[in-house]
Amino acid sequence: MAHLIGSIPFKGSIGGLSAYTRSDIDKIIIRTKGGASKEQIKKKPSFAATRKINQEWKGVTMMSKNIRENIVAVKHLADYNFTGTLNARCKKMQYADIQNENGKRSVLLSATRYLLDEFSLNKRMAFDTVLKQPLGCLIQRNENKVLIDIAPIYPSINFVNPGKYPFYRFVFMLGYVSDLLYNSTQERYIAQAIDMPHAIDKRTEWVSVQKKLLQQQVLLESNGTLILNDAITIIVSAGIEFGLPAIDGTIEYVKYSGCGKLLKLG
């Protein structure tokens, strides 16, 4: 990957070069055009291995998409495009399947949950640098609920306000993601579990960054009574939003402030 340096920035195509930007890089990226055609990759025997890689990649990106949909309440707190990093973790989940042949390996989140524990959505301001103490998180699968413990908060001691905003609040989300299996008949990846409770989220009240807080507990409880099978993983994500007073007296979230992470999977 090449970066454009100079006083004549451009985006688009010139000759055999393409120039484009990405949200997590402040420079213009340049790459060459070319490569095999879609028809060649689809039919030529020499691209058989490529077709297997491409087929499995569909399972990886599908799992990544399902995870992102179940952390949507904190996803806006990311300060970089974490999809590539998440895809890489999901690919490792696929590598863990030693039962199926290449091109048909499953993406088993339930067997590799450790790959996403404490997964950070930030590079510049991580959740653990703002709240300098762990959050307690008890997942109760049989009851489809999660209990989160927030220890006492002492400003400037175990809570840091990097943006100097006057208010903050916590954001939590409880989501459900199924393992993905390759279906040879349909030639695509499908969810092993179809019936799952809906994801839910909850925000605490806005509070001054200068206020000491006693221990708190937050309950996330699904409305569904569905018994979870082993192919379903519960994902608990956590975030911190910062806010400013609005003209009408309410508190409004400051865009691009805050931080988030995947707190626990179970």
C-alpha atoms as a PDB file:
ATOM      1  CA  MET A   1       0.000   0.000   0.000  1.00  0.00           C
ATOM      2  CA  ALA A   2       1.463   3.374  -1.061  1.00  0.00           C
ATOM      3  CA  HIS A   3       0.644   6.830   0.330  1.00  0.00           C
ATOM      4  CA  LEU A   4       0.539  10.007  -1.745  1.00  0.00           C
ATOM      5  CA  ILE A   5       2.865  12.737  -0.447  1.00  0.00           C
ATOM      6  CA  GLY A   6       2.848  16.106  -2.139  1.00  0.00           C
ATOM      7  CA  SER A   7       0.890  19.243  -2.858  1.00  0.00           C
ATOM      8  CA  ILE A   8      -1.376  17.788  -5.572  1.00  0.00           C
ATOM      9  CA  PRO A   9      -3.738  15.395  -3.823  1.00  0.00           C
ATOM     10  CA  PHE A  10      -6.224  13.491  -5.959  1.00  0.00           C
ATOM     11  CA  LYS A  11      -8.789  10.721  -5.687  1.00  0.00           C
ATOM     12  CA  GLY A  12      -9.970   8.525  -8.502  1.00  0.00           C
ATOM     13  CA  SER A  13      -8.141   6.813 -11.355  1.00  0.00           C
ATOM     14  CA  ILE A  14      -5.232   7.855 -13.508  1.00  0.00           C
ATOM     15  CA  GLY A  15      -3.887   5.305 -15.960  1.00  0.00           C
ATOM     16  CA  GLY A  16      -3.206   2.128 -14.056  1.00  0.00           C
ATOM     17  CA  LEU A  17      -3.438   3.764 -10.620  1.00  0.00           C
ATOM     18  CA  SER A  18      -6.356   4.198  -8.217  1.00  0.00           C
ATOM     19  CA  ALA A  19      -6.325   6.714  -5.362  1.00  0.00           C
ATOM     20  CA  TYR A  20      -8.694   6.627  -2.408  1.00  0.00           C
ATOM     21  CA  THR A  21      -9.003   7.543   1.272  1.00  0.00           C
ATOM     22  CA  ARG A  22      -9.892   5.646   4.450  1.00  0.00           C
ATOM     23  CA  SER A  23     -11.406   6.986   7.659  1.00  0.00           C
ATOM     24  CA  ASP A  24      -8.576   5.614   9.827  1.00  0.00           C
ATOM     25  CA  ILE A  25      -5.718   7.045   7.692  1.00  0.00           C
ATOM     26  CA  ASP A  26      -5.146  10.741   7.045  1.00  0.00           C
ATOM     27  CA  LYS A  27      -3.311  10.222   3.754  1.00  0.00           C
ATOM     28  CA  ILE A  28      -4.393   9.291   0.246  1.00  0.00           C
ATOM     29  CA  ILE A  29      -3.777   5.628  -0.586  1.00  0.00           C
ATOM     30  CA  ILE A  30      -2.620   4.604  -4.065  1.00  0.00           C
ATOM     31  CA  ARG A  31      -2.720   1.131  -5.571  1.00  0.00           C
ATOM     32  CA  THR A  32      -2.286  -0.355  -9.022  1.00  0.00           C
ATOM     33  CA  LYS A  33      -5.174  -1.749 -11.026  1.00  0.00           C
ATOM     34  CA  GLY A  34      -5.196  -5.159 -12.610  1.00  0.00           C
ATOM     35  CA  GLY A  35      -5.352  -8.827 -11.649  1.00  0.00           C
ATOM     36  CA  ALA A  36      -7.444 -11.716 -12.872  1.00  0.00           C
ATOM     37  CA  SER A  37     -11.011 -11.130 -14.025  1.00  0.00           C
ATOM     38  CA  LYS A  38     -14.018 -12.355 -12.048  1.00  0.00           C
ATOM     39  CA  GLU A  39     -14.784 -14.867 -14.772  1.00  0.00           C
ATOM     40  CA  GLN A  40     -11.262 -16.313 -14.604  1.00  0.00           C
ATOM     41  CA  ILE A  41     -11.392 -16.662 -10.839  1.00  0.00           C
ATOM     42  CA  LYS A  42     -14.833 -18.282 -11.053  1.00  0.00           C
ATOM     43  CA  LYS A  43     -14.027 -20.936 -13.658  1.00  0.00           C
ATOM     44  CA  LYS A  44     -10.298 -21.537 -14.219  1.00  0.00           C
ATOM     45  CA  PRO A  45      -8.887 -24.650 -12.474  1.00  0.00           C
ATOM     46  CA  SER A  46      -5.791 -22.687 -11.491  1.00  0.00           C
ATOM     47  CA  PHE A  47      -7.940 -20.514  -9.221  1.00  0.00           C
ATOM     48  CA  ALA A  48      -9.492 -23.410  -7.278  1.00  0.00           C
ATOM     49  CA  ALA A  49      -7.607 -22.472  -4.113  1.00  0.00           C
ATOM     50  CA  THR A  50      -8.626 -18.827  -4.553  1.00  0.00           C
ATOM     51  CA  ARG A  51     -12.273 -19.823  -4.795  1.00  0.00           C
ATOM     52  CA  LYS A  52     -12.014 -21.695  -1.494  1.00  0.00           C
ATOM     53  CA  ILE A  53     -10.421 -18.677   0.161  1.00  0.00           C
ATOM     54  CA  ASN A  54     -13.104 -16.372  -1.216  1.00  0.00           C
ATOM     55  CA  GLN A  55     -15.896 -18.705  -0.108  1.00  0.00           C
ATOM     56  CA  GLU A  56     -14.560 -18.895   3.432  1.00  0.00           C
ATOM     57  CA  TRP A  57     -14.065 -15.134   3.529  1.00  0.00           C
ATOM     58  CA  LYS A  58     -17.824 -14.742   3.070  1.00  0.00           C
ATOM     59  CA  GLY A  59     -18.290 -16.594   6.347  1.00  0.00           C
ATOM     60  CA  VAL A  60     -15.725 -14.373   8.059  1.00  0.00           C
ATOM     61  CA  THR A  61     -17.350 -11.126   6.927  1.00  0.00           C
ATOM     62  CA  MET A  62     -20.816 -12.458   7.765  1.00  0.00           C
ATOM     63  CA  MET A  63     -19.717 -13.194  11.336  1.00  0.00           C
ATOM     64  CA  SER A  64     -18.071  -9.771  11.592  1.00  0.00           C
ATOM     65  CA  LYS A  65     -21.297  -8.136  10.367  1.00  0.00           C
ATOM     66  CA  ASN A  66     -23.393 -10.070  12.897  1.00  0.00           C
ATOM     67  CA  ILE A  67     -21.101  -8.987  15.731  1.00  0.00           C
ATOM     68  CA  ARG A  68     -21.177  -5.331  14.657  1.00  0.00           C
ATOM     69  CA  GLU A  69     -24.983  -5.408  14.558  1.00  0.00           C
ATOM     70  CA  ASN A  70     -25.018  -6.650  18.150  1.00  0.00           C
ATOM     71  CA  ILE A  71     -22.757  -3.887  19.476  1.00  0.00           C
ATOM     72  CA  VAL A  72     -24.465  -1.074  17.579  1.00  0.00           C
ATOM     73  CA  ALA A  73     -25.197   0.857  20.781  1.00  0.00           C
ATOM     74  CA  VAL A  74     -21.455   1.431  21.346  1.00  0.00           C
ATOM     75  CA  LYS A  75     -20.150   1.191  17.776  1.00  0.00           C
ATOM     76  CA  HIS A  76     -20.322   4.973  17.284  1.00  0.00           C
ATOM     77  CA  LEU A  77     -17.697   5.364  20.028  1.00  0.00           C
ATOM     78  CA  ALA A  78     -14.956   3.779  17.909  1.00  0.00           C
ATOM     79  CA  ASP A  79     -12.164   6.146  16.864  1.00  0.00           C
ATOM     80  CA  TYR A  80     -10.939   3.978  13.965  1.00  0.00           C
ATOM     81  CA  ASN A  81     -12.381   1.558  11.454  1.00  0.00           C
ATOM     82  CA  PHE A  82     -12.145  -1.600  13.537  1.00  0.00           C
ATOM     83  CA  THR A  83     -13.804  -3.840  10.927  1.00  0.00           C
ATOM     84  CA  GLY A  84     -10.466  -5.039   9.542  1.00  0.00           C
ATOM     85  CA  THR A  85      -9.238  -6.005  13.006  1.00  0.00           C
ATOM     86  CA  LEU A  86     -12.539  -7.725  13.748  1.00  0.00           C
ATOM     87  CA  ASN A  87     -12.367  -9.620  10.441  1.00  0.00           C
ATOM     88  CA  ALA A  88      -8.901 -10.861  11.399  1.00  0.00           C
ATOM     89  CA  ARG A  89     -10.217 -12.210  14.705  1.00  0.00           C
ATOM     90  CA  CYS A  90     -13.134 -13.889  12.933  1.00  0.00           C
ATOM     91  CA  LYS A  91     -10.691 -15.512  10.519  1.00  0.00           C
ATOM     92  CA  LYS A  92      -8.882 -17.010  13.503  1.00  0.00           C
ATOM     93  CA  MET A  93     -12.222 -18.447  14.617  1.00  0.00           C
ATOM     94  CA  GLN A  94     -12.445 -20.155  11.248  1.00  0.00           C
ATOM     95  CA  TYR A  95      -8.906 -21.520  11.521  1.00  0.00           C
ATOM     96  CA  ALA A  96      -9.992 -23.191  14.765  1.00  0.00           C
ATOM     97  CA  ASP A  97     -12.315 -25.502  12.800  1.00  0.00           C
ATOM     98  CA  ILE A  98     -10.190 -28.599  12.153  1.00  0.00           C
ATOM     99  CA  GLN A  99     -13.145 -30.846  11.322  1.00  0.00           C
ATOM    100  CA  ASN A 100     -14.117 -29.463   7.928  1.00  0.00           C
ATOM    101  CA  GLU A 101     -12.032 -29.112   4.774  1.00  0.00           C
ATOM    102  CA  ASN A 102     -10.672 -25.826   3.480  1.00  0.00           C
ATOM    103  CA  GLY A 103     -13.373 -23.850   1.730  1.00  0.00           C
ATOM    104  CA  LYS A 104     -16.084 -25.185   4.057  1.00  0.00           C
ATOM    105  CA  ARG A 105     -14.763 -24.402   7.539  1.00  0.00           C
ATOM    106  CA  SER A 106     -17.259 -23.081  10.069  1.00  0.00           C
ATOM    107  CA  VAL A 107     -16.948 -19.824  12.008  1.00  0.00           C
ATOM    108  CA  LEU A 108     -17.497 -20.958  15.586  1.00  0.00           C
ATOM    109  CA  LEU A 109     -17.687 -17.976  17.903  1.00  0.00           C
ATOM    110  CA  SER A 110     -18.961 -20.213  20.718  1.00  0.00           C
ATOM    111  CA  ALA A 111     -15.654 -22.146  20.729  1.00  0.00           C
ATOM    112  CA  THR A 112     -13.375 -19.100  20.429  1.00  0.00           C
ATOM    113  CA  ARG A 113     -14.997 -16.402  22.551  1.00  0.00           C
ATOM    114  CA  TYR A 114     -11.665 -15.580  24.160  1.00  0.00           C
ATOM    115  CA  LEU A 115     -10.593 -13.937  20.894  1.00  0.00           C
ATOM    116  CA  LEU A 116     -12.996 -11.045  21.509  1.00  0.00           C
ATOM    117  CA  ASP A 117     -12.894 -10.564  25.283  1.00  0.00           C
ATOM    118  CA  GLU A 118     -11.984  -6.926  26.023  1.00  0.00           C
ATOM    119  CA  PHE A 119     -11.851  -6.132  22.268  1.00  0.00           C
ATOM    120  CA  SER A 120     -11.249  -2.370  22.099  1.00  0.00           C
ATOM    121  CA  LEU A 121     -13.007  -0.028  19.698  1.00  0.00           C
ATOM    122  CA  ASN A 122     -10.380   2.655  20.209  1.00  0.00           C
ATOM    123  CA  LYS A 123      -6.729   3.357  19.511  1.00  0.00           C
ATOM    124  CA  ARG A 124      -6.338   6.915  20.770  1.00  0.00           C
ATOM    125  CA  MET A 125      -8.464   6.719  23.922  1.00  0.00           C
ATOM    126  CA  ALA A 126      -9.123   3.209  25.198  1.00  0.00           C
ATOM    127  CA  PHE A 127     -11.942   2.439  27.620  1.00  0.00           C
ATOM    128  CA  ASP A 128      -9.495   1.226  30.274  1.00  0.00           C
ATOM    129  CA  THR A 129      -7.566   4.500  30.217  1.00  0.00           C
ATOM    130  CA  VAL A 130     -10.755   6.438  31.042  1.00  0.00           C
ATOM    131  CA  LEU A 131     -12.196   4.059  33.630  1.00  0.00           C
ATOM    132  CA  LYS A 132      -9.171   2.701  35.469  1.00  0.00           C
ATOM    133  CA  GLN A 133     -10.943  -0.203  37.130  1.00  0.00           C
ATOM    134  CA  PRO A 134     -12.608  -3.332  35.758  1.00  0.00           C
ATOM    135  CA  LEU A 135     -16.347  -3.595  35.368  1.00  0.00           C
ATOM    136  CA  GLY A 136     -17.927  -6.635  36.950  1.00  0.00           C
ATOM    137  CA  CYS A 137     -19.985  -8.611  34.439  1.00  0.00           C
ATOM    138  CA  LEU A 138     -22.065 -11.658  35.328  1.00  0.00           C
ATOM    139  CA  ILE A 139     -23.709 -13.436  32.386  1.00  0.00           C
ATOM    140  CA  GLN A 140     -26.686 -15.608  33.281  1.00  0.00           C
ATOM    141  CA  ARG A 141     -27.405 -17.597  30.114  1.00  0.00           C
ATOM    142  CA  ASN A 142     -30.304 -19.586  31.568  1.00  0.00           C
ATOM    143  CA  GLU A 143     -32.216 -16.382  32.291  1.00  0.00           C
ATOM    144  CA  ASN A 144     -31.008 -14.322  29.291  1.00  0.00           C
ATOM    145  CA  LYS A 145     -29.725 -11.525  31.473  1.00  0.00           C
ATOM    146  CA  VAL A 146     -26.521  -9.789  32.462  1.00  0.00           C
ATOM    147  CA  LEU A 147     -25.629  -7.983  35.681  1.00  0.00           C
ATOM    148  CA  ILE A 148     -22.944  -5.301  35.445  1.00  0.00           C
ATOM    149  CA  ASP A 149     -21.230  -3.941  38.557  1.00  0.00           C
ATOM    150  CA  ILE A 150     -19.694  -0.446  38.452  1.00  0.00           C
ATOM    151  CA  ALA A 151     -17.385   0.074  41.428  1.00  0.00           C
ATOM    152  CA  PRO A 152     -17.293   3.475  43.188  1.00  0.00           C
ATOM    153  CA  ILE A 153     -15.954   6.204  40.902  1.00  0.00           C
ATOM    154  CA  TYR A 154     -13.539   8.869  42.105  1.00  0.00           C
ATOM    155  CA  PRO A 155     -12.772  11.643  39.575  1.00  0.00           C
ATOM    156  CA  SER A 156      -9.103  11.983  38.627  1.00  0.00           C
ATOM    157  CA  ILE A 157      -8.290   8.822  40.595  1.00  0.00           C
ATOM    158  CA  ASN A 158     -10.004   5.973  38.789  1.00  0.00           C
ATOM    159  CA  PHE A 159     -11.880   8.049  36.202  1.00  0.00           C
ATOM    160  CA  VAL A 160     -10.122  10.332  33.702  1.00  0.00           C
ATOM    161  CA  ASN A 161     -11.871  12.943  31.542  1.00  0.00           C
ATOM    162  CA  PRO A 162      -9.582  13.248  28.483  1.00  0.00           C
ATOM    163  CA  GLY A 163     -11.777  15.707  26.549  1.00  0.00           C
ATOM    164  CA  LYS A 164     -12.623  17.948  29.510  1.00  0.00           C
ATOM    165  CA  TYR A 165     -16.361  17.590  28.872  1.00  0.00           C
ATOM    166  CA  PRO A 166     -18.563  18.227  31.944  1.00  0.00           C
ATOM    167  CA  PHE A 167     -20.860  15.171  31.785  1.00  0.00           C
ATOM    168  CA  TYR A 168     -20.620  11.467  31.022  1.00  0.00           C
ATOM    169  CA  ARG A 169     -22.731   8.341  31.068  1.00  0.00           C
ATOM    170  CA  PHE A 170     -22.288   4.609  30.515  1.00  0.00           C
ATOM    171  CA  VAL A 171     -23.766   2.698  27.573  1.00  0.00           C
ATOM    172  CA  PHE A 172     -24.245  -1.073  27.681  1.00  0.00           C
ATOM    173  CA  MET A 173     -25.575  -3.578  25.173  1.00  0.00           C
ATOM    174  CA  LEU A 174     -26.569  -7.225  25.366  1.00  0.00           C
ATOM    175  CA  GLY A 175     -26.463  -9.027  22.014  1.00  0.00           C
ATOM    176  CA  TYR A 176     -26.745 -12.558  20.654  1.00  0.00           C
ATOM    177  CA  VAL A 177     -24.663 -14.057  17.828  1.00  0.00           C
ATOM    178  CA  SER A 178     -24.919 -17.535  16.317  1.00  0.00           C
ATOM    179  CA  ASP A 179     -22.137 -19.766  15.020  1.00  0.00           C
ATOM    180  CA  LEU A 180     -21.983 -20.003  11.221  1.00  0.00           C
ATOM    181  CA  LEU A 181     -21.880 -23.285   9.309  1.00  0.00           C
ATOM    182  CA  TYR A 182     -21.191 -23.838   5.619  1.00  0.00           C
ATOM    183  CA  ASN A 183     -24.168 -25.362   3.791  1.00  0.00           C
ATOM    184  CA  SER A 184     -22.869 -27.362   0.822  1.00  0.00           C
ATOM    185  CA  THR A 185     -26.311 -27.641  -0.770  1.00  0.00           C
ATOM    186  CA  GLN A 186     -26.915 -23.879  -0.760  1.00  0.00           C
ATOM    187  CA  GLU A 187     -23.181 -23.125  -1.152  1.00  0.00           C
ATOM    188  CA  ARG A 188     -23.258 -20.418   1.468  1.00  0.00           C
ATOM    189  CA  TYR A 189     -22.847 -19.829   5.197  1.00  0.00           C
ATOM    190  CA  ILE A 190     -25.930 -19.977   7.400  1.00  0.00           C
ATOM    191  CA  ALA A 191     -26.563 -19.355  11.092  1.00  0.00           C
ATOM    192  CA  GLN A 192     -26.673 -22.525  13.158  1.00  0.00           C
ATOM    193  CA  ALA A 193     -29.243 -20.946  15.472  1.00  0.00           C
ATOM    194  CA  ILE A 194     -32.127 -18.974  13.978  1.00  0.00           C
ATOM    195  CA  ASP A 195     -34.354 -18.156  16.963  1.00  0.00           C
ATOM    196  CA  MET A 196     -32.557 -15.703  19.240  1.00  0.00           C
ATOM    197  CA  PRO A 197     -33.710 -12.937  21.609  1.00  0.00           C
ATOM    198  CA  HIS A 198     -33.459  -9.364  20.371  1.00  0.00           C
ATOM    199  CA  ALA A 199     -30.445  -7.322  21.412  1.00  0.00           C
ATOM    200  CA  ILE A 200     -31.116  -4.667  24.062  1.00  0.00           C
ATOM    201  CA  ASP A 201     -29.186  -1.643  25.291  1.00  0.00           C
ATOM    202  CA  LYS A 202     -29.288   0.683  28.276  1.00  0.00           C
ATOM    203  CA  ARG A 203     -27.771   4.042  29.187  1.00  0.00           C
ATOM    204  CA  THR A 204     -27.175   5.379  32.682  1.00  0.00           C
ATOM    205  CA  GLU A 205     -28.148   8.933  33.645  1.00  0.00           C
ATOM    206  CA  TRP A 206     -25.810  11.783  32.743  1.00  0.00           C
ATOM    207  CA  VAL A 207     -23.566  12.682  35.662  1.00  0.00           C
ATOM    208  CA  SER A 208     -20.958  15.376  36.304  1.00  0.00           C
ATOM    209  CA  VAL A 209     -17.375  14.272  35.716  1.00  0.00           C
ATOM    210  CA  GLN A 210     -16.526  15.908  39.049  1.00  0.00           C
ATOM    211  CA  LYS A 211     -19.012  13.905  41.101  1.00  0.00           C
ATOM    212  CA  LYS A 212     -18.052  10.922  43.218  1.00  0.00           C
ATOM    213  CA  LEU A 213     -20.336   7.948  42.653  1.00  0.00           C
ATOM    214  CA  LEU A 214     -21.202   5.017  44.856  1.00  0.00           C
ATOM    215  CA  GLN A 215     -21.234   1.473  43.509  1.00  0.00           C
ATOM    216  CA  GLN A 216     -23.886   0.883  40.856  1.00  0.00           C
ATOM    217  CA  GLN A 217     -25.493  -2.150  39.257  1.00  0.00           C
ATOM    218  CA  VAL A 218     -26.980  -2.269  35.778  1.00  0.00           C
ATOM    219  CA  LEU A 219     -29.293  -5.074  34.707  1.00  0.00           C
ATOM    220  CA  LEU A 220     -29.628  -6.036  31.056  1.00  0.00           C
ATOM    221  CA  GLU A 221     -32.480  -8.481  30.619  1.00  0.00           C
ATOM    222  CA  SER A 222     -33.968  -9.814  27.408  1.00  0.00           C
ATOM    223  CA  ASN A 223     -37.748  -9.903  27.053  1.00  0.00           C
ATOM    224  CA  GLY A 224     -37.533 -13.305  25.412  1.00  0.00           C
ATOM    225  CA  THR A 225     -37.775 -16.570  27.334  1.00  0.00           C
ATOM    226  CA  LEU A 226     -35.959 -18.594  24.691  1.00  0.00           C
ATOM    227  CA  ILE A 227     -33.515 -21.190  26.022  1.00  0.00           C
ATOM    228  CA  LEU A 228     -30.146 -20.519  24.426  1.00  0.00           C
ATOM    229  CA  ASN A 229     -28.428 -23.430  22.746  1.00  0.00           C
ATOM    230  CA  ASP A 230     -24.674 -23.927  22.669  1.00  0.00           C
ATOM    231  CA  ALA A 231     -24.327 -22.312  19.224  1.00  0.00           C
ATOM    232  CA  ILE A 232     -25.418 -18.898  20.554  1.00  0.00           C
ATOM    233  CA  THR A 233     -22.963 -16.512  22.176  1.00  0.00           C
ATOM    234  CA  ILE A 234     -23.967 -13.624  24.409  1.00  0.00           C
ATOM    235  CA  ILE A 235     -21.958 -10.468  23.721  1.00  0.00           C
ATOM    236  CA  VAL A 236     -21.843  -7.709  26.323  1.00  0.00           C
ATOM    237  CA  SER A 237     -20.396  -4.390  25.161  1.00  0.00           C
ATOM    238  CA  ALA A 238     -19.721  -1.249  27.172  1.00  0.00           C
ATOM    239  CA  GLY A 239     -19.082   2.386  26.326  1.00  0.00           C
ATOM    240  CA  ILE A 240     -18.646   5.826  27.850  1.00  0.00           C
ATOM    241  CA  GLU A 241     -20.266   8.871  26.230  1.00  0.00           C
ATOM    242  CA  PHE A 242     -19.370  12.467  27.081  1.00  0.00           C
ATOM    243  CA  GLY A 243     -21.887  15.303  26.886  1.00  0.00           C
ATOM    244  CA  LEU A 244     -22.445  19.049  26.924  1.00  0.00           C
ATOM    245  CA  PRO A 245     -25.506  21.036  28.109  1.00  0.00           C
ATOM    246  CA  ALA A 246     -27.916  21.996  25.323  1.00  0.00           C
ATOM    247  CA  ILE A 247     -29.943  25.218  25.057  1.00  0.00           C
ATOM    248  CA  ASP A 248     -33.091  23.476  26.337  1.00  0.00           C
ATOM    249  CA  GLY A 249     -31.305  22.256  29.465  1.00  0.00           C
ATOM    250  CA  THR A 250     -30.814  18.660  28.351  1.00  0.00           C
ATOM    251  CA  ILE A 251     -27.435  16.996  27.904  1.00  0.00           C
ATOM    252  CA  GLU A 252     -26.332  16.123  24.384  1.00  0.00           C
ATOM    253  CA  TYR A 253     -23.713  13.561  23.434  1.00  0.00           C
ATOM    254  CA  VAL A 254     -20.576  15.111  21.920  1.00  0.00           C
ATOM    255  CA  LYS A 255     -19.898  13.430  18.611  1.00  0.00           C
ATOM    256  CA  TYR A 256     -16.566  11.584  18.343  1.00  0.00           C
ATOM    257  CA  SER A 257     -16.053  11.669  22.112  1.00  0.00           C
ATOM    258  CA  GLY A 258     -16.028   8.629  24.358  1.00  0.00           C
ATOM    259  CA  CYS A 259     -14.798   5.077  24.037  1.00  0.00           C
ATOM    260  CA  GLY A 260     -16.080   1.516  23.957  1.00  0.00           C
ATOM    261  CA  LYS A 261     -15.162  -2.137  24.055  1.00  0.00           C
ATOM    262  CA  LEU A 262     -16.545  -5.662  24.066  1.00  0.00           C
ATOM    263  CA  LEU A 263     -16.746  -6.320  27.772  1.00  0.00           C
ATOM    264  CA  LYS A 264     -17.430 -10.045  27.958  1.00  0.00           C
ATOM    265  CA  LEU A 265     -18.711 -12.997  25.929  1.00  0.00           C
ATOM    266  CA  GLY A 266     -20.413 -16.057  27.320  1.00  0.00           C
END
